[in-house]
Amino acid sequence: MNLYYIFAHDPGFIEAFSSDPWHHYQVWLLIIVVAYLLRKVKNTKIAYAVGIGMFLEEWPVFLNDLGFDTNSLYHSWLDFIAIMGVVGIIYMISRVLERRNAPS
């Protein structure tokens, strides 16, 4: 929103920015790779979380670019429910694994 006010005098820039060919899933892939490469230097858990969150928001576009017809799922109820289900399942699995690996 703030970028809109900064660049409002140049609608061409806003149009070029909003129709940029880079998708969020390409950015998430870059974030994940950089976080992996810097894992020994920095604590990169936040970068992983941002990257995975961006992918979860863009998964229908990612699958559509791979050849699946999933554009109709983008921002649909099924998209929302699937993401909540995936996040819930991953959370439950991580909790179970955390308890198993905890010292007695």
PDB file of N, CA and C in Angstrom:
ATOM      1  N   MET A   1       0.826  -1.186   0.000  1.00  0.00           N
ATOM      2  CA  MET A   1       0.000   0.000   0.000  1.00  0.00           C
ATOM      3  C   MET A   1       0.874   1.255   0.000  1.00  0.00           C
ATOM      4  N   ASN A   2       1.933   1.251   0.796  1.00  0.00           N
ATOM      5  CA  ASN A   2       2.812   2.414   0.840  1.00  0.00           C
ATOM      6  C   ASN A   2       3.521   2.631  -0.484  1.00  0.00           C
ATOM      7  N   LEU A   3       3.885   1.544  -1.163  1.00  0.00           N
ATOM      8  CA  LEU A   3       4.523   1.687  -2.469  1.00  0.00           C
ATOM      9  C   LEU A   3       3.590   2.367  -3.461  1.00  0.00           C
ATOM     10  N   TYR A   4       2.304   2.116  -3.312  1.00  0.00           N
ATOM     11  CA  TYR A   4       1.342   2.759  -4.206  1.00  0.00           C
ATOM     12  C   TYR A   4       1.416   4.276  -4.058  1.00  0.00           C
ATOM     13  N   TYR A   5       1.477   4.762  -2.831  1.00  0.00           N
ATOM     14  CA  TYR A   5       1.537   6.208  -2.613  1.00  0.00           C
ATOM     15  C   TYR A   5       2.875   6.795  -3.064  1.00  0.00           C
ATOM     16  N   ILE A   6       3.934   6.027  -2.923  1.00  0.00           N
ATOM     17  CA  ILE A   6       5.244   6.515  -3.349  1.00  0.00           C
ATOM     18  C   ILE A   6       5.307   6.644  -4.860  1.00  0.00           C
ATOM     19  N   PHE A   7       4.768   5.651  -5.567  1.00  0.00           N
ATOM     20  CA  PHE A   7       4.881   5.627  -7.024  1.00  0.00           C
ATOM     21  C   PHE A   7       3.580   5.995  -7.731  1.00  0.00           C
ATOM     22  N   ALA A   8       2.640   6.637  -7.035  1.00  0.00           N
ATOM     23  CA  ALA A   8       1.339   6.956  -7.628  1.00  0.00           C
ATOM     24  C   ALA A   8       1.467   7.917  -8.804  1.00  0.00           C
ATOM     25  N   HIS A   9       2.509   8.720  -8.835  1.00  0.00           N
ATOM     26  CA  HIS A   9       2.683   9.670  -9.936  1.00  0.00           C
ATOM     27  C   HIS A   9       3.140   8.982 -11.220  1.00  0.00           C
ATOM     28  N   ASP A  10       3.535   7.711 -11.130  1.00  0.00           N
ATOM     29  CA  ASP A  10       4.008   6.973 -12.302  1.00  0.00           C
ATOM     30  C   ASP A  10       3.206   5.678 -12.458  1.00  0.00           C
ATOM     31  N   PRO A  11       2.013   5.754 -13.070  1.00  0.00           N
ATOM     32  CA  PRO A  11       1.187   4.547 -13.190  1.00  0.00           C
ATOM     33  C   PRO A  11       1.841   3.456 -14.033  1.00  0.00           C
ATOM     34  N   GLY A  12       2.743   3.823 -14.925  1.00  0.00           N
ATOM     35  CA  GLY A  12       3.446   2.822 -15.720  1.00  0.00           C
ATOM     36  C   GLY A  12       4.292   1.908 -14.857  1.00  0.00           C
ATOM     37  N   PHE A  13       4.925   2.485 -13.828  1.00  0.00           N
ATOM     38  CA  PHE A  13       5.734   1.683 -12.914  1.00  0.00           C
ATOM     39  C   PHE A  13       4.852   0.711 -12.140  1.00  0.00           C
ATOM     40  N   ILE A  14       3.705   1.193 -11.671  1.00  0.00           N
ATOM     41  CA  ILE A  14       2.790   0.335 -10.916  1.00  0.00           C
ATOM     42  C   ILE A  14       2.300  -0.804 -11.798  1.00  0.00           C
ATOM     43  N   GLU A  15       1.960  -0.508 -13.042  1.00  0.00           N
ATOM     44  CA  GLU A  15       1.492  -1.545 -13.963  1.00  0.00           C
ATOM     45  C   GLU A  15       2.599  -2.558 -14.239  1.00  0.00           C
ATOM     46  N   ALA A  16       3.804  -2.084 -14.449  1.00  0.00           N
ATOM     47  CA  ALA A  16       4.929  -2.993 -14.696  1.00  0.00           C
ATOM     48  C   ALA A  16       5.211  -3.858 -13.473  1.00  0.00           C
ATOM     49  N   PHE A  17       5.069  -3.281 -12.286  1.00  0.00           N
ATOM     50  CA  PHE A  17       5.323  -4.015 -11.054  1.00  0.00           C
ATOM     51  C   PHE A  17       4.257  -5.073 -10.817  1.00  0.00           C
ATOM     52  N   SER A  18       2.983  -4.729 -11.051  1.00  0.00           N
ATOM     53  CA  SER A  18       1.900  -5.672 -10.771  1.00  0.00           C
ATOM     54  C   SER A  18       1.797  -6.767 -11.822  1.00  0.00           C
ATOM     55  N   SER A  19       2.288  -6.529 -13.035  1.00  0.00           N
ATOM     56  CA  SER A  19       2.254  -7.578 -14.058  1.00  0.00           C
ATOM     57  C   SER A  19       3.646  -8.157 -14.295  1.00  0.00           C
ATOM     58  N   ASP A  20       4.479  -8.091 -13.284  1.00  0.00           N
ATOM     59  CA  ASP A  20       5.832  -8.634 -13.338  1.00  0.00           C
ATOM     60  C   ASP A  20       5.769 -10.144 -13.583  1.00  0.00           C
ATOM     61  N   PRO A  21       6.630 -10.703 -14.451  1.00  0.00           N
ATOM     62  CA  PRO A  21       6.573 -12.132 -14.713  1.00  0.00           C
ATOM     63  C   PRO A  21       7.054 -12.995 -13.544  1.00  0.00           C
ATOM     64  N   TRP A  22       7.743 -12.405 -12.568  1.00  0.00           N
ATOM     65  CA  TRP A  22       8.168 -13.164 -11.394  1.00  0.00           C
ATOM     66  C   TRP A  22       6.953 -13.443 -10.536  1.00  0.00           C
ATOM     67  N   HIS A  23       6.760 -14.667 -10.186  1.00  0.00           N
ATOM     68  CA  HIS A  23       5.675 -15.029  -9.283  1.00  0.00           C
ATOM     69  C   HIS A  23       6.251 -15.216  -7.888  1.00  0.00           C
ATOM     70  N   HIS A  24       5.366 -15.185  -6.905  1.00  0.00           N
ATOM     71  CA  HIS A  24       5.825 -15.361  -5.532  1.00  0.00           C
ATOM     72  C   HIS A  24       6.515 -16.706  -5.338  1.00  0.00           C
ATOM     73  N   TYR A  25       6.069 -17.724  -6.081  1.00  0.00           N
ATOM     74  CA  TYR A  25       6.700 -19.026  -5.872  1.00  0.00           C
ATOM     75  C   TYR A  25       8.139 -19.029  -6.357  1.00  0.00           C
ATOM     76  N   GLN A  26       8.459 -18.189  -7.325  1.00  0.00           N
ATOM     77  CA  GLN A  26       9.853 -18.096  -7.746  1.00  0.00           C
ATOM     78  C   GLN A  26      10.680 -17.385  -6.683  1.00  0.00           C
ATOM     79  N   VAL A  27      10.087 -16.401  -6.035  1.00  0.00           N
ATOM     80  CA  VAL A  27      10.773 -15.698  -4.950  1.00  0.00           C
ATOM     81  C   VAL A  27      10.943 -16.632  -3.753  1.00  0.00           C
ATOM     82  N   TRP A  28       9.899 -17.434  -3.438  1.00  0.00           N
ATOM     83  CA  TRP A  28      10.032 -18.356  -2.298  1.00  0.00           C
ATOM     84  C   TRP A  28      11.149 -19.346  -2.543  1.00  0.00           C
ATOM     85  N   LEU A  29      11.286 -19.809  -3.773  1.00  0.00           N
ATOM     86  CA  LEU A  29      12.352 -20.756  -4.080  1.00  0.00           C
ATOM     87  C   LEU A  29      13.721 -20.118  -3.845  1.00  0.00           C
ATOM     88  N   LEU A  30      13.866 -18.876  -4.260  1.00  0.00           N
ATOM     89  CA  LEU A  30      15.111 -18.145  -4.043  1.00  0.00           C
ATOM     90  C   LEU A  30      15.385 -17.954  -2.550  1.00  0.00           C
ATOM     91  N   ILE A  31      14.353 -17.600  -1.781  1.00  0.00           N
ATOM     92  CA  ILE A  31      14.509 -17.407  -0.331  1.00  0.00           C
ATOM     93  C   ILE A  31      14.930 -18.711   0.341  1.00  0.00           C
ATOM     94  N   ILE A  32      14.288 -19.815  -0.029  1.00  0.00           N
ATOM     95  CA  ILE A  32      14.620 -21.107   0.572  1.00  0.00           C
ATOM     96  C   ILE A  32      16.060 -21.508   0.247  1.00  0.00           C
ATOM     97  N   VAL A  33      16.479 -21.316  -0.987  1.00  0.00           N
ATOM     98  CA  VAL A  33      17.849 -21.679  -1.382  1.00  0.00           C
ATOM     99  C   VAL A  33      18.869 -20.835  -0.623  1.00  0.00           C
ATOM    100  N   VAL A  34      18.628 -19.522  -0.542  1.00  0.00           N
ATOM    101  CA  VAL A  34      19.561 -18.642   0.182  1.00  0.00           C
ATOM    102  C   VAL A  34      19.586 -19.001   1.665  1.00  0.00           C
ATOM    103  N   ALA A  35      18.414 -19.270   2.253  1.00  0.00           N
ATOM    104  CA  ALA A  35      18.365 -19.654   3.663  1.00  0.00           C
ATOM    105  C   ALA A  35      19.127 -20.953   3.898  1.00  0.00           C
ATOM    106  N   TYR A  36      18.999 -21.886   2.976  1.00  0.00           N
ATOM    107  CA  TYR A  36      19.729 -23.154   3.114  1.00  0.00           C
ATOM    108  C   TYR A  36      21.236 -22.932   3.027  1.00  0.00           C
ATOM    109  N   LEU A  37      21.650 -22.093   2.097  1.00  0.00           N
ATOM    110  CA  LEU A  37      23.081 -21.840   1.940  1.00  0.00           C
ATOM    111  C   LEU A  37      23.672 -21.097   3.137  1.00  0.00           C
ATOM    112  N   LEU A  38      22.867 -20.273   3.791  1.00  0.00           N
ATOM    113  CA  LEU A  38      23.349 -19.486   4.937  1.00  0.00           C
ATOM    114  C   LEU A  38      23.027 -20.132   6.282  1.00  0.00           C
ATOM    115  N   ARG A  39      22.594 -21.382   6.293  1.00  0.00           N
ATOM    116  CA  ARG A  39      22.154 -22.027   7.530  1.00  0.00           C
ATOM    117  C   ARG A  39      23.256 -22.134   8.574  1.00  0.00           C
ATOM    118  N   LYS A  40      24.504 -22.214   8.163  1.00  0.00           N
ATOM    119  CA  LYS A  40      25.617 -22.316   9.116  1.00  0.00           C
ATOM    120  C   LYS A  40      26.004 -20.950   9.671  1.00  0.00           C
ATOM    121  N   VAL A  41      25.712 -19.897   8.922  1.00  0.00           N
ATOM    122  CA  VAL A  41      26.119 -18.549   9.308  1.00  0.00           C
ATOM    123  C   VAL A  41      25.056 -17.871  10.164  1.00  0.00           C
ATOM    124  N   LYS A  42      23.816 -18.005   9.782  1.00  0.00           N
ATOM    125  CA  LYS A  42      22.714 -17.303  10.456  1.00  0.00           C
ATOM    126  C   LYS A  42      21.618 -18.287  10.836  1.00  0.00           C
ATOM    127  N   ASN A  43      20.778 -17.865  11.759  1.00  0.00           N
ATOM    128  CA  ASN A  43      19.566 -18.610  12.070  1.00  0.00           C
ATOM    129  C   ASN A  43      18.536 -18.249  11.000  1.00  0.00           C
ATOM    130  N   THR A  44      18.203 -19.182  10.148  1.00  0.00           N
ATOM    131  CA  THR A  44      17.379 -18.881   8.974  1.00  0.00           C
ATOM    132  C   THR A  44      15.951 -19.403   9.091  1.00  0.00           C
ATOM    133  N   LYS A  45      15.480 -19.666  10.296  1.00  0.00           N
ATOM    134  CA  LYS A  45      14.119 -20.190  10.455  1.00  0.00           C
ATOM    135  C   LYS A  45      13.071 -19.216   9.931  1.00  0.00           C
ATOM    136  N   ILE A  46      13.275 -17.926  10.138  1.00  0.00           N
ATOM    137  CA  ILE A  46      12.309 -16.934   9.651  1.00  0.00           C
ATOM    138  C   ILE A  46      12.282 -16.923   8.133  1.00  0.00           C
ATOM    139  N   ALA A  47      13.439 -17.023   7.499  1.00  0.00           N
ATOM    140  CA  ALA A  47      13.481 -17.055   6.033  1.00  0.00           C
ATOM    141  C   ALA A  47      12.761 -18.290   5.507  1.00  0.00           C
ATOM    142  N   TYR A  48      12.956 -19.440   6.160  1.00  0.00           N
ATOM    143  CA  TYR A  48      12.224 -20.641   5.754  1.00  0.00           C
ATOM    144  C   TYR A  48      10.717 -20.427   5.897  1.00  0.00           C
ATOM    145  N   ALA A  49      10.300 -19.840   7.009  1.00  0.00           N
ATOM    146  CA  ALA A  49       8.872 -19.618   7.240  1.00  0.00           C
ATOM    147  C   ALA A  49       8.275 -18.687   6.192  1.00  0.00           C
ATOM    148  N   VAL A  50       8.973 -17.616   5.861  1.00  0.00           N
ATOM    149  CA  VAL A  50       8.482 -16.685   4.837  1.00  0.00           C
ATOM    150  C   VAL A  50       8.426 -17.374   3.482  1.00  0.00           C
ATOM    151  N   GLY A  51       9.464 -18.101   3.141  1.00  0.00           N
ATOM    152  CA  GLY A  51       9.495 -18.798   1.857  1.00  0.00           C
ATOM    153  C   GLY A  51       8.392 -19.828   1.728  1.00  0.00           C
ATOM    154  N   ILE A  52       8.194 -20.630   2.754  1.00  0.00           N
ATOM    155  CA  ILE A  52       7.144 -21.644   2.714  1.00  0.00           C
ATOM    156  C   ILE A  52       5.769 -20.990   2.708  1.00  0.00           C
ATOM    157  N   GLY A  53       5.607 -19.909   3.464  1.00  0.00           N
ATOM    158  CA  GLY A  53       4.331 -19.188   3.446  1.00  0.00           C
ATOM    159  C   GLY A  53       4.006 -18.625   2.077  1.00  0.00           C
ATOM    160  N   MET A  54       5.015 -18.102   1.400  1.00  0.00           N
ATOM    161  CA  MET A  54       4.793 -17.582   0.047  1.00  0.00           C
ATOM    162  C   MET A  54       4.424 -18.713  -0.905  1.00  0.00           C
ATOM    163  N   PHE A  55       5.049 -19.871  -0.747  1.00  0.00           N
ATOM    164  CA  PHE A  55       4.685 -21.000  -1.598  1.00  0.00           C
ATOM    165  C   PHE A  55       3.258 -21.455  -1.333  1.00  0.00           C
ATOM    166  N   LEU A  56       2.884 -21.560  -0.067  1.00  0.00           N
ATOM    167  CA  LEU A  56       1.534 -22.010   0.258  1.00  0.00           C
ATOM    168  C   LEU A  56       0.477 -21.074  -0.313  1.00  0.00           C
ATOM    169  N   GLU A  57       0.797 -19.802  -0.404  1.00  0.00           N
ATOM    170  CA  GLU A  57      -0.153 -18.845  -0.979  1.00  0.00           C
ATOM    171  C   GLU A  57      -0.226 -18.988  -2.496  1.00  0.00           C
ATOM    172  N   GLU A  58       0.835 -19.450  -3.122  1.00  0.00           N
ATOM    173  CA  GLU A  58       0.915 -19.495  -4.588  1.00  0.00           C
ATOM    174  C   GLU A  58       0.909 -20.902  -5.175  1.00  0.00           C
ATOM    175  N   TRP A  59       0.560 -21.929  -4.411  1.00  0.00           N
ATOM    176  CA  TRP A  59       0.672 -23.289  -4.929  1.00  0.00           C
ATOM    177  C   TRP A  59      -0.157 -23.543  -6.178  1.00  0.00           C
ATOM    178  N   PRO A  60      -1.374 -22.991  -6.349  1.00  0.00           N
ATOM    179  CA  PRO A  60      -2.086 -23.257  -7.606  1.00  0.00           C
ATOM    180  C   PRO A  60      -1.364 -22.690  -8.831  1.00  0.00           C
ATOM    181  N   VAL A  61      -0.741 -21.525  -8.686  1.00  0.00           N
ATOM    182  CA  VAL A  61      -0.003 -20.925  -9.804  1.00  0.00           C
ATOM    183  C   VAL A  61       1.221 -21.781 -10.128  1.00  0.00           C
ATOM    184  N   PHE A  62       1.901 -22.251  -9.101  1.00  0.00           N
ATOM    185  CA  PHE A  62       3.072 -23.110  -9.290  1.00  0.00           C
ATOM    186  C   PHE A  62       2.696 -24.386 -10.041  1.00  0.00           C
ATOM    187  N   LEU A  63       1.628 -25.056  -9.597  1.00  0.00           N
ATOM    188  CA  LEU A  63       1.205 -26.285 -10.267  1.00  0.00           C
ATOM    189  C   LEU A  63       0.706 -26.007 -11.678  1.00  0.00           C
ATOM    190  N   ASN A  64       0.066 -24.854 -11.888  1.00  0.00           N
ATOM    191  CA  ASN A  64      -0.395 -24.498 -13.228  1.00  0.00           C
ATOM    192  C   ASN A  64       0.792 -24.317 -14.174  1.00  0.00           C
ATOM    193  N   ASP A  65       1.856 -23.696 -13.689  1.00  0.00           N
ATOM    194  CA  ASP A  65       3.047 -23.526 -14.522  1.00  0.00           C
ATOM    195  C   ASP A  65       3.750 -24.852 -14.806  1.00  0.00           C
ATOM    196  N   LEU A  66       3.519 -25.848 -13.964  1.00  0.00           N
ATOM    197  CA  LEU A  66       4.072 -27.181 -14.212  1.00  0.00           C
ATOM    198  C   LEU A  66       3.213 -27.995 -15.178  1.00  0.00           C
ATOM    199  N   GLY A  67       2.062 -27.448 -15.583  1.00  0.00           N
ATOM    200  CA  GLY A  67       1.223 -28.125 -16.563  1.00  0.00           C
ATOM    201  C   GLY A  67      -0.113 -28.605 -16.041  1.00  0.00           C
ATOM    202  N   PHE A  68      -0.357 -28.472 -14.746  1.00  0.00           N
ATOM    203  CA  PHE A  68      -1.647 -28.861 -14.186  1.00  0.00           C
ATOM    204  C   PHE A  68      -2.617 -27.697 -14.337  1.00  0.00           C
ATOM    205  N   ASP A  69      -3.893 -27.989 -14.511  1.00  0.00           N
ATOM    206  CA  ASP A  69      -4.898 -26.937 -14.677  1.00  0.00           C
ATOM    207  C   ASP A  69      -5.449 -26.552 -13.303  1.00  0.00           C
ATOM    208  N   THR A  70      -4.707 -25.736 -12.566  1.00  0.00           N
ATOM    209  CA  THR A  70      -5.098 -25.387 -11.198  1.00  0.00           C
ATOM    210  C   THR A  70      -5.348 -23.894 -11.000  1.00  0.00           C
ATOM    211  N   ASN A  71      -5.364 -23.107 -12.064  1.00  0.00           N
ATOM    212  CA  ASN A  71      -5.595 -21.666 -11.892  1.00  0.00           C
ATOM    213  C   ASN A  71      -6.958 -21.368 -11.285  1.00  0.00           C
ATOM    214  N   SER A  72      -7.944 -22.216 -11.544  1.00  0.00           N
ATOM    215  CA  SER A  72      -9.277 -21.972 -10.984  1.00  0.00           C
ATOM    216  C   SER A  72      -9.290 -22.140  -9.466  1.00  0.00           C
ATOM    217  N   LEU A  73      -8.297 -22.808  -8.909  1.00  0.00           N
ATOM    218  CA  LEU A  73      -8.227 -23.001  -7.456  1.00  0.00           C
ATOM    219  C   LEU A  73      -7.649 -21.795  -6.727  1.00  0.00           C
ATOM    220  N   TYR A  74      -7.001 -20.896  -7.458  1.00  0.00           N
ATOM    221  CA  TYR A  74      -6.311 -19.769  -6.829  1.00  0.00           C
ATOM    222  C   TYR A  74      -7.302 -18.890  -6.079  1.00  0.00           C
ATOM    223  N   HIS A  75      -7.095 -18.743  -4.784  1.00  0.00           N
ATOM    224  CA  HIS A  75      -7.934 -17.960  -3.867  1.00  0.00           C
ATOM    225  C   HIS A  75      -9.372 -18.455  -3.819  1.00  0.00           C
ATOM    226  N   SER A  76      -9.571 -19.747  -3.975  1.00  0.00           N
ATOM    227  CA  SER A  76     -10.900 -20.339  -3.856  1.00  0.00           C
ATOM    228  C   SER A  76     -11.049 -20.926  -2.451  1.00  0.00           C
ATOM    229  N   TRP A  77     -12.252 -21.397  -2.134  1.00  0.00           N
ATOM    230  CA  TRP A  77     -12.471 -22.026  -0.838  1.00  0.00           C
ATOM    231  C   TRP A  77     -11.640 -23.296  -0.705  1.00  0.00           C
ATOM    232  N   LEU A  78     -11.518 -24.052  -1.791  1.00  0.00           N
ATOM    233  CA  LEU A  78     -10.710 -25.270  -1.750  1.00  0.00           C
ATOM    234  C   LEU A  78      -9.245 -24.946  -1.464  1.00  0.00           C
ATOM    235  N   ASP A  79      -8.751 -23.879  -2.044  1.00  0.00           N
ATOM    236  CA  ASP A  79      -7.380 -23.426  -1.788  1.00  0.00           C
ATOM    237  C   ASP A  79      -7.207 -23.127  -0.306  1.00  0.00           C
ATOM    238  N   PHE A  80      -8.130 -22.382   0.257  1.00  0.00           N
ATOM    239  CA  PHE A  80      -8.058 -22.005   1.670  1.00  0.00           C
ATOM    240  C   PHE A  80      -8.103 -23.234   2.569  1.00  0.00           C
ATOM    241  N   ILE A  81      -9.047 -24.135   2.303  1.00  0.00           N
ATOM    242  CA  ILE A  81      -9.200 -25.331   3.136  1.00  0.00           C
ATOM    243  C   ILE A  81      -7.987 -26.248   2.993  1.00  0.00           C
ATOM    244  N   ALA A  82      -7.482 -26.407   1.777  1.00  0.00           N
ATOM    245  CA  ALA A  82      -6.315 -27.270   1.563  1.00  0.00           C
ATOM    246  C   ALA A  82      -5.099 -26.742   2.316  1.00  0.00           C
ATOM    247  N   ILE A  83      -4.875 -25.441   2.262  1.00  0.00           N
ATOM    248  CA  ILE A  83      -3.714 -24.862   2.953  1.00  0.00           C
ATOM    249  C   ILE A  83      -3.855 -25.018   4.462  1.00  0.00           C
ATOM    250  N   MET A  84      -5.054 -24.755   4.994  1.00  0.00           N
ATOM    251  CA  MET A  84      -5.256 -24.922   6.434  1.00  0.00           C
ATOM    252  C   MET A  84      -5.049 -26.381   6.837  1.00  0.00           C
ATOM    253  N   GLY A  85      -5.516 -27.308   6.010  1.00  0.00           N
ATOM    254  CA  GLY A  85      -5.325 -28.732   6.295  1.00  0.00           C
ATOM    255  C   GLY A  85      -3.863 -29.128   6.270  1.00  0.00           C
ATOM    256  N   VAL A  86      -3.132 -28.673   5.265  1.00  0.00           N
ATOM    257  CA  VAL A  86      -1.704 -28.997   5.153  1.00  0.00           C
ATOM    258  C   VAL A  86      -0.936 -28.422   6.336  1.00  0.00           C
ATOM    259  N   VAL A  87      -1.203 -27.177   6.674  1.00  0.00           N
ATOM    260  CA  VAL A  87      -0.510 -26.548   7.808  1.00  0.00           C
ATOM    261  C   VAL A  87      -0.855 -27.273   9.107  1.00  0.00           C
ATOM    262  N   GLY A  88      -2.121 -27.645   9.292  1.00  0.00           N
ATOM    263  CA  GLY A  88      -2.530 -28.374  10.490  1.00  0.00           C
ATOM    264  C   GLY A  88      -1.865 -29.729  10.609  1.00  0.00           C
ATOM    265  N   ILE A  89      -1.802 -30.462   9.504  1.00  0.00           N
ATOM    266  CA  ILE A  89      -1.166 -31.782   9.513  1.00  0.00           C
ATOM    267  C   ILE A  89       0.329 -31.656   9.794  1.00  0.00           C
ATOM    268  N   ILE A  90       0.981 -30.703   9.153  1.00  0.00           N
ATOM    269  CA  ILE A  90       2.416 -30.499   9.399  1.00  0.00           C
ATOM    270  C   ILE A  90       2.660 -30.115  10.856  1.00  0.00           C
ATOM    271  N   TYR A  91       1.784 -29.286  11.422  1.00  0.00           N
ATOM    272  CA  TYR A  91       1.930 -28.898  12.825  1.00  0.00           C
ATOM    273  C   TYR A  91       1.799 -30.113  13.739  1.00  0.00           C
ATOM    274  N   MET A  92       0.786 -30.944  13.490  1.00  0.00           N
ATOM    275  CA  MET A  92       0.588 -32.118  14.339  1.00  0.00           C
ATOM    276  C   MET A  92       1.758 -33.092  14.223  1.00  0.00           C
ATOM    277  N   ILE A  93       2.254 -33.317  13.012  1.00  0.00           N
ATOM    278  CA  ILE A  93       3.403 -34.212  12.828  1.00  0.00           C
ATOM    279  C   ILE A  93       4.635 -33.657  13.537  1.00  0.00           C
ATOM    280  N   SER A  94       4.852 -32.353  13.428  1.00  0.00           N
ATOM    281  CA  SER A  94       6.027 -31.765  14.087  1.00  0.00           C
ATOM    282  C   SER A  94       5.921 -31.855  15.604  1.00  0.00           C
ATOM    283  N   ARG A  95       4.713 -31.718  16.148  1.00  0.00           N
ATOM    284  CA  ARG A  95       4.539 -31.848  17.600  1.00  0.00           C
ATOM    285  C   ARG A  95       4.823 -33.271  18.067  1.00  0.00           C
ATOM    286  N   VAL A  96       4.338 -34.254  17.305  1.00  0.00           N
ATOM    287  CA  VAL A  96       4.582 -35.654  17.666  1.00  0.00           C
ATOM    288  C   VAL A  96       6.074 -35.963  17.601  1.00  0.00           C
ATOM    289  N   LEU A  97       6.735 -35.522  16.538  1.00  0.00           N
ATOM    290  CA  LEU A  97       8.175 -35.769  16.409  1.00  0.00           C
ATOM    291  C   LEU A  97       8.967 -35.036  17.482  1.00  0.00           C
ATOM    292  N   GLU A  98       8.503 -33.850  17.854  1.00  0.00           N
ATOM    293  CA  GLU A  98       9.178 -33.083  18.904  1.00  0.00           C
ATOM    294  C   GLU A  98       9.090 -33.811  20.238  1.00  0.00           C
ATOM    295  N   ARG A  99       7.931 -34.386  20.532  1.00  0.00           N
ATOM    296  CA  ARG A  99       7.764 -35.116  21.791  1.00  0.00           C
ATOM    297  C   ARG A  99       8.597 -36.389  21.812  1.00  0.00           C
ATOM    298  N   ARG A 100       8.704 -37.053  20.667  1.00  0.00           N
ATOM    299  CA  ARG A 100       9.502 -38.285  20.608  1.00  0.00           C
ATOM    300  C   ARG A 100      10.987 -38.000  20.782  1.00  0.00           C
ATOM    301  N   ASN A 101      11.435 -36.863  20.296  1.00  0.00           N
ATOM    302  CA  ASN A 101      12.857 -36.519  20.372  1.00  0.00           C
ATOM    303  C   ASN A 101      13.226 -35.779  21.648  1.00  0.00           C
ATOM    304  N   ALA A 102      12.243 -35.444  22.468  1.00  0.00           N
ATOM    305  CA  ALA A 102      12.517 -34.718  23.712  1.00  0.00           C
ATOM    306  C   ALA A 102      13.204 -35.652  24.708  1.00  0.00           C
ATOM    307  N   PRO A 103      14.158 -35.112  25.464  1.00  0.00           N
ATOM    308  CA  PRO A 103      14.815 -35.952  26.475  1.00  0.00           C
ATOM    309  C   PRO A 103      13.831 -36.328  27.577  1.00  0.00           C
ATOM    310  N   SER A 104      13.953 -37.534  28.074  1.00  0.00           N
ATOM    311  CA  SER A 104      13.020 -38.031  29.097  1.00  0.00           C
ATOM    312  C   SER A 104      13.316 -37.478  30.454  1.00  0.00           C
TER     313      SER A 104
END
